[in-house]
């Protein structure tokens, strides 16, 4: 599973981590001026490092995507590993 990071510069929303095969990433507007996608990354930790840096630069939080239409609700396990929730 690969991961991507979403940044919305215009609305200053949280930076979000998505799986690379989610519909938002696949159907993204490639010439959008106020949003950016980073990746894909081979590991969740690589995507998390990028999201953390972007969030720090923006002084805003980052999180996993919680949209039920994509990413099957990414969640972290107790051991820090990522799994897909139903």
Foldseek 3Di string as FASTA:
>chain_A
DWKKWKDFQPVRDQIEIFHCPWPCNVVDDPPDDGMDMDDRDPAPVVNVVVSVVVCVVSVHHYYYDCDCSGRQGWDADPVRHIDHHD
